[in-house]
mmCIF file of all heavy atoms, coordinates in Angstrom:
data_MODEL
# 
_entry.id   MODEL 
# 
loop_
_atom_site.group_PDB 
_atom_site.id 
_atom_site.type_symbol 
_atom_site.label_atom_id 
_atom_site.label_alt_id 
_atom_site.label_comp_id 
_atom_site.label_asym_id 
_atom_site.label_entity_id 
_atom_site.label_seq_id 
_atom_site.pdbx_PDB_ins_code 
_atom_site.Cartn_x 
_atom_site.Cartn_y 
_atom_site.Cartn_z 
_atom_site.occupancy 
_atom_site.B_iso_or_equiv 
_atom_site.pdbx_formal_charge 
_atom_site.auth_seq_id 
_atom_site.auth_comp_id 
_atom_site.auth_asym_id 
_atom_site.auth_atom_id 
_atom_site.pdbx_PDB_model_num 
ATOM 1   N N   . SER A 1 1  ? -1.364 -19.456 3.495   1.00 0.00 ? 1  SER A N   1 
ATOM 2   C CA  . SER A 1 1  ? -2.124 -20.153 4.449   1.00 0.00 ? 1  SER A CA  1 
ATOM 3   C C   . SER A 1 1  ? -3.534 -20.601 3.932   1.00 0.00 ? 1  SER A C   1 
ATOM 4   O O   . SER A 1 1  ? -3.994 -21.679 4.123   1.00 0.00 ? 1  SER A O   1 
ATOM 5   C CB  . SER A 1 1  ? -2.343 -19.329 5.743   1.00 0.00 ? 1  SER A CB  1 
ATOM 6   O OG  . SER A 1 1  ? -1.063 -19.207 6.336   1.00 0.00 ? 1  SER A OG  1 
ATOM 7   N N   . THR A 1 2  ? -4.096 -19.660 3.202   1.00 0.00 ? 2  THR A N   1 
ATOM 8   C CA  . THR A 1 2  ? -5.446 -19.891 2.578   1.00 0.00 ? 2  THR A CA  1 
ATOM 9   C C   . THR A 1 2  ? -5.341 -21.073 1.526   1.00 0.00 ? 2  THR A C   1 
ATOM 10  O O   . THR A 1 2  ? -6.169 -21.932 1.554   1.00 0.00 ? 2  THR A O   1 
ATOM 11  C CB  . THR A 1 2  ? -5.931 -18.643 1.894   1.00 0.00 ? 2  THR A CB  1 
ATOM 12  O OG1 . THR A 1 2  ? -5.972 -17.582 2.777   1.00 0.00 ? 2  THR A OG1 1 
ATOM 13  C CG2 . THR A 1 2  ? -7.331 -18.788 1.205   1.00 0.00 ? 2  THR A CG2 1 
ATOM 14  N N   . ALA A 1 3  ? -4.239 -20.925 0.688   1.00 0.00 ? 3  ALA A N   1 
ATOM 15  C CA  . ALA A 1 3  ? -4.094 -22.047 -0.268  1.00 0.00 ? 3  ALA A CA  1 
ATOM 16  C C   . ALA A 1 3  ? -3.775 -23.409 0.415   1.00 0.00 ? 3  ALA A C   1 
ATOM 17  O O   . ALA A 1 3  ? -4.365 -24.482 0.081   1.00 0.00 ? 3  ALA A O   1 
ATOM 18  C CB  . ALA A 1 3  ? -2.886 -21.711 -1.210  1.00 0.00 ? 3  ALA A CB  1 
ATOM 19  N N   . LEU A 1 4  ? -3.048 -23.400 1.555   1.00 0.00 ? 4  LEU A N   1 
ATOM 20  C CA  . LEU A 1 4  ? -2.750 -24.572 2.239   1.00 0.00 ? 4  LEU A CA  1 
ATOM 21  C C   . LEU A 1 4  ? -4.031 -25.211 2.784   1.00 0.00 ? 4  LEU A C   1 
ATOM 22  O O   . LEU A 1 4  ? -4.265 -26.404 2.653   1.00 0.00 ? 4  LEU A O   1 
ATOM 23  C CB  . LEU A 1 4  ? -1.723 -24.311 3.454   1.00 0.00 ? 4  LEU A CB  1 
ATOM 24  C CG  . LEU A 1 4  ? -1.247 -25.572 4.186   1.00 0.00 ? 4  LEU A CG  1 
ATOM 25  C CD1 . LEU A 1 4  ? -0.593 -26.530 3.332   1.00 0.00 ? 4  LEU A CD1 1 
ATOM 26  C CD2 . LEU A 1 4  ? -0.291 -25.115 5.355   1.00 0.00 ? 4  LEU A CD2 1 
ATOM 27  N N   . PHE A 1 5  ? -4.809 -24.338 3.567   1.00 0.00 ? 5  PHE A N   1 
ATOM 28  C CA  . PHE A 1 5  ? -5.985 -24.903 4.247   1.00 0.00 ? 5  PHE A CA  1 
ATOM 29  C C   . PHE A 1 5  ? -7.006 -25.145 3.211   1.00 0.00 ? 5  PHE A C   1 
ATOM 30  O O   . PHE A 1 5  ? -8.017 -25.955 3.494   1.00 0.00 ? 5  PHE A O   1 
ATOM 31  C CB  . PHE A 1 5  ? -6.478 -23.850 5.254   1.00 0.00 ? 5  PHE A CB  1 
ATOM 32  C CG  . PHE A 1 5  ? -5.589 -23.772 6.368   1.00 0.00 ? 5  PHE A CG  1 
ATOM 33  C CD1 . PHE A 1 5  ? -4.861 -22.686 6.671   1.00 0.00 ? 5  PHE A CD1 1 
ATOM 34  C CD2 . PHE A 1 5  ? -5.465 -24.859 7.256   1.00 0.00 ? 5  PHE A CD2 1 
ATOM 35  C CE1 . PHE A 1 5  ? -4.009 -22.500 7.716   1.00 0.00 ? 5  PHE A CE1 1 
ATOM 36  C CE2 . PHE A 1 5  ? -4.618 -24.913 8.411   1.00 0.00 ? 5  PHE A CE2 1 
ATOM 37  C CZ  . PHE A 1 5  ? -3.876 -23.666 8.633   1.00 0.00 ? 5  PHE A CZ  1 
ATOM 38  N N   . ALA A 1 6  ? -7.016 -24.757 2.014   1.00 0.00 ? 6  ALA A N   1 
ATOM 39  C CA  . ALA A 1 6  ? -7.983 -25.120 1.041   1.00 0.00 ? 6  ALA A CA  1 
ATOM 40  C C   . ALA A 1 6  ? -7.792 -26.444 0.386   1.00 0.00 ? 6  ALA A C   1 
ATOM 41  O O   . ALA A 1 6  ? -8.417 -26.943 -0.475  1.00 0.00 ? 6  ALA A O   1 
ATOM 42  C CB  . ALA A 1 6  ? -8.007 -24.068 -0.168  1.00 0.00 ? 6  ALA A CB  1 
ATOM 43  N N   . GLY A 1 7  ? -6.555 -27.112 0.810   1.00 0.00 ? 7  GLY A N   1 
ATOM 44  C CA  . GLY A 1 7  ? -6.212 -28.458 0.433   1.00 0.00 ? 7  GLY A CA  1 
ATOM 45  C C   . GLY A 1 7  ? -5.835 -28.509 -1.048  1.00 0.00 ? 7  GLY A C   1 
ATOM 46  O O   . GLY A 1 7  ? -6.196 -29.515 -1.669  1.00 0.00 ? 7  GLY A O   1 
ATOM 47  N N   . MET A 1 8  ? -5.050 -27.630 -1.428  1.00 0.00 ? 8  MET A N   1 
ATOM 48  C CA  . MET A 1 8  ? -4.687 -27.623 -2.913  1.00 0.00 ? 8  MET A CA  1 
ATOM 49  C C   . MET A 1 8  ? -3.983 -28.883 -3.286  1.00 0.00 ? 8  MET A C   1 
ATOM 50  O O   . MET A 1 8  ? -3.224 -29.373 -2.594  1.00 0.00 ? 8  MET A O   1 
ATOM 51  C CB  . MET A 1 8  ? -3.661 -26.429 -3.160  1.00 0.00 ? 8  MET A CB  1 
ATOM 52  C CG  . MET A 1 8  ? -4.397 -25.128 -3.230  1.00 0.00 ? 8  MET A CG  1 
ATOM 53  S SD  . MET A 1 8  ? -3.108 -23.902 -3.600  1.00 0.00 ? 8  MET A SD  1 
ATOM 54  C CE  . MET A 1 8  ? -2.640 -24.353 -5.182  1.00 0.00 ? 8  MET A CE  1 
ATOM 55  N N   . ALA A 1 9  ? -4.461 -29.392 -4.404  1.00 0.00 ? 9  ALA A N   1 
ATOM 56  C CA  . ALA A 1 9  ? -3.811 -30.658 -4.884  1.00 0.00 ? 9  ALA A CA  1 
ATOM 57  C C   . ALA A 1 9  ? -2.366 -30.453 -5.178  1.00 0.00 ? 9  ALA A C   1 
ATOM 58  O O   . ALA A 1 9  ? -1.500 -31.339 -5.238  1.00 0.00 ? 9  ALA A O   1 
ATOM 59  C CB  . ALA A 1 9  ? -4.544 -31.222 -6.030  1.00 0.00 ? 9  ALA A CB  1 
ATOM 60  N N   . LEU A 1 10 ? -1.971 -29.132 -5.446  1.00 0.00 ? 10 LEU A N   1 
ATOM 61  C CA  . LEU A 1 10 ? -0.658 -28.885 -5.822  1.00 0.00 ? 10 LEU A CA  1 
ATOM 62  C C   . LEU A 1 10 ? 0.256  -28.531 -4.783  1.00 0.00 ? 10 LEU A C   1 
ATOM 63  O O   . LEU A 1 10 ? 1.424  -28.153 -4.991  1.00 0.00 ? 10 LEU A O   1 
ATOM 64  C CB  . LEU A 1 10 ? -0.681 -27.622 -6.861  1.00 0.00 ? 10 LEU A CB  1 
ATOM 65  C CG  . LEU A 1 10 ? -1.567 -27.845 -8.064  1.00 0.00 ? 10 LEU A CG  1 
ATOM 66  C CD1 . LEU A 1 10 ? -1.684 -26.557 -8.824  1.00 0.00 ? 10 LEU A CD1 1 
ATOM 67  C CD2 . LEU A 1 10 ? -0.877 -28.919 -8.861  1.00 0.00 ? 10 LEU A CD2 1 
ATOM 68  N N   . SER A 1 11 ? -0.273 -28.524 -3.521  1.00 0.00 ? 11 SER A N   1 
ATOM 69  C CA  . SER A 1 11 ? 0.484  -28.180 -2.252  1.00 0.00 ? 11 SER A CA  1 
ATOM 70  C C   . SER A 1 11 ? 0.620  -26.786 -2.081  1.00 0.00 ? 11 SER A C   1 
ATOM 71  O O   . SER A 1 11 ? 1.138  -26.350 -1.041  1.00 0.00 ? 11 SER A O   1 
ATOM 72  C CB  . SER A 1 11 ? 1.930  -28.859 -2.248  1.00 0.00 ? 11 SER A CB  1 
ATOM 73  O OG  . SER A 1 11 ? 1.798  -30.283 -2.458  1.00 0.00 ? 11 SER A OG  1 
ATOM 74  N N   . GLY A 1 12 ? 0.080  -25.927 -3.057  1.00 0.00 ? 12 GLY A N   1 
ATOM 75  C CA  . GLY A 1 12 ? 0.020  -24.438 -2.789  1.00 0.00 ? 12 GLY A CA  1 
ATOM 76  C C   . GLY A 1 12 ? 1.041  -23.636 -3.476  1.00 0.00 ? 12 GLY A C   1 
ATOM 77  O O   . GLY A 1 12 ? 2.157  -24.023 -3.641  1.00 0.00 ? 12 GLY A O   1 
ATOM 78  N N   . VAL A 1 13 ? 0.731  -22.496 -3.960  1.00 0.00 ? 13 VAL A N   1 
ATOM 79  C CA  . VAL A 1 13 ? 1.513  -21.490 -4.697  1.00 0.00 ? 13 VAL A CA  1 
ATOM 80  C C   . VAL A 1 13 ? 0.918  -20.248 -4.339  1.00 0.00 ? 13 VAL A C   1 
ATOM 81  O O   . VAL A 1 13 ? -0.307 -20.093 -4.219  1.00 0.00 ? 13 VAL A O   1 
ATOM 82  C CB  . VAL A 1 13 ? 1.498  -21.737 -6.236  1.00 0.00 ? 13 VAL A CB  1 
ATOM 83  C CG1 . VAL A 1 13 ? 2.646  -21.070 -6.853  1.00 0.00 ? 13 VAL A CG1 1 
ATOM 84  C CG2 . VAL A 1 13 ? 1.571  -23.179 -6.536  1.00 0.00 ? 13 VAL A CG2 1 
ATOM 85  N N   . CYS A 1 14 ? 1.659  -19.139 -4.435  1.00 0.00 ? 14 CYS A N   1 
ATOM 86  C CA  . CYS A 1 14 ? 1.071  -17.877 -4.181  1.00 0.00 ? 14 CYS A CA  1 
ATOM 87  C C   . CYS A 1 14 ? 1.808  -16.812 -4.962  1.00 0.00 ? 14 CYS A C   1 
ATOM 88  O O   . CYS A 1 14 ? 2.891  -17.008 -5.398  1.00 0.00 ? 14 CYS A O   1 
ATOM 89  C CB  . CYS A 1 14 ? 0.981  -17.554 -2.760  1.00 0.00 ? 14 CYS A CB  1 
ATOM 90  S SG  . CYS A 1 14 ? 2.519  -17.171 -1.842  1.00 0.00 ? 14 CYS A SG  1 
ATOM 91  N N   . LEU A 1 15 ? 1.088  -15.671 -5.077  1.00 0.00 ? 15 LEU A N   1 
ATOM 92  C CA  . LEU A 1 15 ? 1.563  -14.505 -5.891  1.00 0.00 ? 15 LEU A CA  1 
ATOM 93  C C   . LEU A 1 15 ? 2.227  -13.493 -4.914  1.00 0.00 ? 15 LEU A C   1 
ATOM 94  O O   . LEU A 1 15 ? 1.997  -13.472 -3.788  1.00 0.00 ? 15 LEU A O   1 
ATOM 95  C CB  . LEU A 1 15 ? 0.427  -13.739 -6.499  1.00 0.00 ? 15 LEU A CB  1 
ATOM 96  C CG  . LEU A 1 15 ? -0.177 -14.462 -7.743  1.00 0.00 ? 15 LEU A CG  1 
ATOM 97  C CD1 . LEU A 1 15 ? -1.426 -13.657 -8.180  1.00 0.00 ? 15 LEU A CD1 1 
ATOM 98  C CD2 . LEU A 1 15 ? 0.780  -14.541 -8.803  1.00 0.00 ? 15 LEU A CD2 1 
ATOM 99  N N   . ALA A 1 16 ? 3.105  -12.681 -5.532  1.00 0.00 ? 16 ALA A N   1 
ATOM 100 C CA  . ALA A 1 16 ? 3.568  -11.572 -4.714  1.00 0.00 ? 16 ALA A CA  1 
ATOM 101 C C   . ALA A 1 16 ? 2.416  -10.551 -4.642  1.00 0.00 ? 16 ALA A C   1 
ATOM 102 O O   . ALA A 1 16 ? 1.738  -10.344 -5.589  1.00 0.00 ? 16 ALA A O   1 
ATOM 103 C CB  . ALA A 1 16 ? 4.792  -10.956 -5.490  1.00 0.00 ? 16 ALA A CB  1 
ATOM 104 N N   . ALA A 1 17 ? 2.341  -9.866  -3.509  1.00 0.00 ? 17 ALA A N   1 
ATOM 105 C CA  . ALA A 1 17 ? 1.251  -8.933  -3.296  1.00 0.00 ? 17 ALA A CA  1 
ATOM 106 C C   . ALA A 1 17 ? 1.857  -7.579  -3.121  1.00 0.00 ? 17 ALA A C   1 
ATOM 107 O O   . ALA A 1 17 ? 2.895  -7.423  -2.512  1.00 0.00 ? 17 ALA A O   1 
ATOM 108 C CB  . ALA A 1 17 ? 0.636  -9.313  -1.872  1.00 0.00 ? 17 ALA A CB  1 
ATOM 109 N N   . THR A 1 18 ? 1.260  -6.671  -3.778  1.00 0.00 ? 18 THR A N   1 
ATOM 110 C CA  . THR A 1 18 ? 1.850  -5.296  -3.829  1.00 0.00 ? 18 THR A CA  1 
ATOM 111 C C   . THR A 1 18 ? 0.635  -4.341  -3.763  1.00 0.00 ? 18 THR A C   1 
ATOM 112 O O   . THR A 1 18 ? -0.399 -4.552  -4.415  1.00 0.00 ? 18 THR A O   1 
ATOM 113 C CB  . THR A 1 18 ? 2.692  -4.948  -5.117  1.00 0.00 ? 18 THR A CB  1 
ATOM 114 O OG1 . THR A 1 18 ? 1.797  -5.200  -6.269  1.00 0.00 ? 18 THR A OG1 1 
ATOM 115 C CG2 . THR A 1 18 ? 3.881  -5.857  -5.156  1.00 0.00 ? 18 THR A CG2 1 
ATOM 116 N N   . GLY A 1 19 ? 0.808  -3.233  -3.047  1.00 0.00 ? 19 GLY A N   1 
ATOM 117 C CA  . GLY A 1 19 ? -0.242 -2.229  -3.064  1.00 0.00 ? 19 GLY A CA  1 
ATOM 118 C C   . GLY A 1 19 ? -1.653 -2.691  -2.605  1.00 0.00 ? 19 GLY A C   1 
ATOM 119 O O   . GLY A 1 19 ? -2.532 -2.033  -2.947  1.00 0.00 ? 19 GLY A O   1 
ATOM 120 N N   . GLY A 1 20 ? -1.656 -3.656  -1.708  1.00 0.00 ? 20 GLY A N   1 
ATOM 121 C CA  . GLY A 1 20 ? -2.975 -4.193  -1.329  1.00 0.00 ? 20 GLY A CA  1 
ATOM 122 C C   . GLY A 1 20 ? -3.706 -5.126  -2.238  1.00 0.00 ? 20 GLY A C   1 
ATOM 123 O O   . GLY A 1 20 ? -4.752 -5.521  -1.961  1.00 0.00 ? 20 GLY A O   1 
ATOM 124 N N   . GLU A 1 21 ? -3.140 -5.306  -3.367  1.00 0.00 ? 21 GLU A N   1 
ATOM 125 C CA  . GLU A 1 21 ? -3.806 -6.112  -4.325  1.00 0.00 ? 21 GLU A CA  1 
ATOM 126 C C   . GLU A 1 21 ? -2.978 -7.246  -4.776  1.00 0.00 ? 21 GLU A C   1 
ATOM 127 O O   . GLU A 1 21 ? -1.741 -7.053  -4.746  1.00 0.00 ? 21 GLU A O   1 
ATOM 128 C CB  . GLU A 1 21 ? -4.204 -5.349  -5.572  1.00 0.00 ? 21 GLU A CB  1 
ATOM 129 C CG  . GLU A 1 21 ? -5.319 -4.237  -5.457  1.00 0.00 ? 21 GLU A CG  1 
ATOM 130 C CD  . GLU A 1 21 ? -5.502 -3.491  -6.603  1.00 0.00 ? 21 GLU A CD  1 
ATOM 131 O OE1 . GLU A 1 21 ? -4.808 -3.649  -7.538  1.00 0.00 ? 21 GLU A OE1 1 
ATOM 132 O OE2 . GLU A 1 21 ? -6.512 -2.704  -6.552  1.00 0.00 ? 21 GLU A OE2 1 
ATOM 133 N N   . VAL A 1 22 ? -3.507 -8.388  -5.118  1.00 0.00 ? 22 VAL A N   1 
ATOM 134 C CA  . VAL A 1 22 ? -2.622 -9.535  -5.685  1.00 0.00 ? 22 VAL A CA  1 
ATOM 135 C C   . VAL A 1 22 ? -2.566 -9.237  -7.135  1.00 0.00 ? 22 VAL A C   1 
ATOM 136 O O   . VAL A 1 22 ? -3.538 -9.205  -7.857  1.00 0.00 ? 22 VAL A O   1 
ATOM 137 C CB  . VAL A 1 22 ? -3.373 -10.866 -5.285  1.00 0.00 ? 22 VAL A CB  1 
ATOM 138 C CG1 . VAL A 1 22 ? -2.571 -11.982 -5.990  1.00 0.00 ? 22 VAL A CG1 1 
ATOM 139 C CG2 . VAL A 1 22 ? -3.492 -10.948 -3.843  1.00 0.00 ? 22 VAL A CG2 1 
ATOM 140 N N   . GLU A 1 23 ? -1.356 -9.294  -7.653  1.00 0.00 ? 23 GLU A N   1 
ATOM 141 C CA  . GLU A 1 23 ? -1.143 -9.099  -9.112  1.00 0.00 ? 23 GLU A CA  1 
ATOM 142 C C   . GLU A 1 23 ? -0.148 -10.147 -9.690  1.00 0.00 ? 23 GLU A C   1 
ATOM 143 O O   . GLU A 1 23 ? 0.654  -10.627 -8.965  1.00 0.00 ? 23 GLU A O   1 
ATOM 144 C CB  . GLU A 1 23 ? -0.326 -7.707  -9.258  1.00 0.00 ? 23 GLU A CB  1 
ATOM 145 C CG  . GLU A 1 23 ? -1.103 -6.472  -8.763  1.00 0.00 ? 23 GLU A CG  1 
ATOM 146 C CD  . GLU A 1 23 ? -0.340 -5.223  -8.866  1.00 0.00 ? 23 GLU A CD  1 
ATOM 147 O OE1 . GLU A 1 23 ? 0.851  -5.298  -9.110  1.00 0.00 ? 23 GLU A OE1 1 
ATOM 148 O OE2 . GLU A 1 23 ? -0.929 -4.150  -8.686  1.00 0.00 ? 23 GLU A OE2 1 
ATOM 149 N N   . PRO A 1 24 ? -0.266 -10.404 -11.022 1.00 0.00 ? 24 PRO A N   1 
ATOM 150 C CA  . PRO A 1 24 ? 0.675  -11.374 -11.570 1.00 0.00 ? 24 PRO A CA  1 
ATOM 151 C C   . PRO A 1 24 ? 2.018  -10.701 -11.594 1.00 0.00 ? 24 PRO A C   1 
ATOM 152 O O   . PRO A 1 24 ? 2.165  -9.569  -11.748 1.00 0.00 ? 24 PRO A O   1 
ATOM 153 C CB  . PRO A 1 24 ? 0.114  -11.627 -12.941 1.00 0.00 ? 24 PRO A CB  1 
ATOM 154 C CG  . PRO A 1 24 ? -0.844 -10.489 -13.184 1.00 0.00 ? 24 PRO A CG  1 
ATOM 155 C CD  . PRO A 1 24 ? -1.275 -9.954  -11.890 1.00 0.00 ? 24 PRO A CD  1 
ATOM 156 N N   . THR A 1 25 ? 3.125  -11.559 -11.492 1.00 0.00 ? 25 THR A N   1 
ATOM 157 C CA  . THR A 1 25 ? 4.474  -11.055 -11.593 1.00 0.00 ? 25 THR A CA  1 
ATOM 158 C C   . THR A 1 25 ? 4.683  -10.608 -12.941 1.00 0.00 ? 25 THR A C   1 
ATOM 159 O O   . THR A 1 25 ? 4.264  -11.335 -13.979 1.00 0.00 ? 25 THR A O   1 
ATOM 160 C CB  . THR A 1 25 ? 5.347  -12.184 -11.148 1.00 0.00 ? 25 THR A CB  1 
ATOM 161 O OG1 . THR A 1 25 ? 5.003  -12.828 -9.942  1.00 0.00 ? 25 THR A OG1 1 
ATOM 162 C CG2 . THR A 1 25 ? 6.753  -11.797 -11.128 1.00 0.00 ? 25 THR A CG2 1 
ATOM 163 N N   . GLU A 1 26 ? 5.539  -9.638  -13.075 1.00 0.00 ? 26 GLU A N   1 
ATOM 164 C CA  . GLU A 1 26 ? 6.006  -9.154  -14.407 1.00 0.00 ? 26 GLU A CA  1 
ATOM 165 C C   . GLU A 1 26 ? 6.684  -10.364 -15.072 1.00 0.00 ? 26 GLU A C   1 
ATOM 166 O O   . GLU A 1 26 ? 7.699  -10.866 -14.404 1.00 0.00 ? 26 GLU A O   1 
ATOM 167 C CB  . GLU A 1 26 ? 6.899  -7.900  -14.302 1.00 0.00 ? 26 GLU A CB  1 
ATOM 168 C CG  . GLU A 1 26 ? 6.051  -6.699  -13.960 1.00 0.00 ? 26 GLU A CG  1 
ATOM 169 C CD  . GLU A 1 26 ? 5.068  -6.396  -14.979 1.00 0.00 ? 26 GLU A CD  1 
ATOM 170 O OE1 . GLU A 1 26 ? 5.291  -6.367  -16.244 1.00 0.00 ? 26 GLU A OE1 1 
ATOM 171 O OE2 . GLU A 1 26 ? 3.962  -5.897  -14.647 1.00 0.00 ? 26 GLU A OE2 1 
# 
């Protein structure tokens, strides 16, 4: 939602969230 409302030119992408932190996918 944050990415969407920020008006991303790319239409939005997001990471998997784990343990309360956003981390890159293995």
